Protein backbone atom coordinates (compact mmCIF):
# COMPACT_ATOMS: atom_id res chain seq x y z
CA MET A 1 17.07 4.57 -7.20
CA SER A 2 15.41 5.53 -3.94
CA ASN A 3 14.60 3.37 -0.97
CA GLY A 4 11.25 1.56 -1.10
CA ASN A 5 10.53 1.83 2.62
CA ALA A 6 8.63 5.11 2.18
CA ASP A 7 6.35 3.41 -0.37
CA LYS A 8 5.82 0.49 2.00
CA ILE A 9 4.84 2.86 4.84
CA LYS A 10 2.42 4.76 2.60
CA GLY A 11 1.00 1.45 1.46
CA LYS A 12 0.40 0.24 4.99
CA ALA A 13 -1.27 3.56 5.88
CA ASN A 14 -3.57 3.36 2.86
CA LYS A 15 -4.45 -0.25 3.64
CA ALA A 16 -5.34 0.71 7.23
CA LYS A 17 -7.38 3.73 6.09
CA GLY A 18 -9.14 1.56 3.53
CA GLU A 19 -9.98 -1.10 6.08
CA MET A 20 -11.51 1.52 8.37
CA LYS A 21 -13.62 2.97 5.53
CA ASP A 22 -14.66 -0.51 4.44
CA GLN A 23 -15.83 -1.41 7.95
CA VAL A 24 -17.64 1.91 8.47
CA GLY A 25 -19.34 1.41 5.12
CA ASN A 26 -20.36 -2.08 6.20
CA LEU A 27 -21.77 -0.90 9.53
CA THR A 28 -23.67 2.04 8.04
CA ASP A 29 -24.67 0.19 4.86
CA ASN A 30 -23.01 2.98 2.86
CA LYS A 31 -21.82 1.42 -0.40
CA LYS A 32 -19.91 4.57 -1.47
CA VAL A 33 -17.77 4.60 1.68
CA GLN A 34 -17.26 0.86 1.43
CA ALA A 35 -16.16 1.13 -2.22
CA SER A 36 -13.80 3.98 -1.34
CA GLY A 37 -12.29 1.81 1.38
CA LYS A 38 -11.74 -1.07 -1.01
CA LYS A 39 -10.07 1.32 -3.47
CA ASP A 40 -7.73 2.58 -0.73
CA LYS A 41 -6.84 -1.00 0.24
CA VAL A 42 -5.92 -1.84 -3.36
CA LYS A 43 -3.89 1.38 -3.63
CA GLY A 44 -2.06 0.38 -0.45
CA GLU A 45 -1.32 -3.09 -1.80
CA VAL A 46 0.14 -1.58 -4.98
CA GLN A 47 2.30 0.85 -3.00
CA ASP A 48 3.52 -1.93 -0.71
CA THR A 49 4.42 -4.15 -3.67
CA PHE A 50 6.14 -1.25 -5.42
CA GLY A 51 8.20 -0.63 -2.25
CA ASP A 52 9.22 -4.29 -2.19
CA ALA A 53 10.29 -4.07 -5.84
CA LYS A 54 12.32 -0.93 -5.20
CA ASN A 55 14.05 -2.54 -2.23
CA GLU A 56 14.82 -5.66 -4.23
CA ALA A 57 16.20 -3.59 -7.10
CA ASN A 58 18.40 -1.69 -4.67
CA GLU A 59 19.68 -4.95 -3.18
CA THR A 60 20.45 -6.32 -6.64
CA LYS A 61 22.23 -3.13 -7.58
CA THR A 62 24.29 -3.27 -4.36
CA ASP A 63 25.15 -6.94 -4.92
CA GLN A 64 26.36 -6.18 -8.45
CA LYS A 65 28.77 -3.53 -7.12
CA LYS A 66 30.53 -6.11 -4.90
């Protein structure tokens, strides 16, 4: 199983991108951009959580080898 840190980094990047889109959509009253930003934030949350799960699985696997 691979390391979850890459997923966590991608997740944080998507959350940041989503926040920017959400704010731009708010300022310009553009609902499409705002919705796209919210979608990116959710995608980032999922990636971040998946990275945590991968890291935890790797730790469990390592602990079982001891």
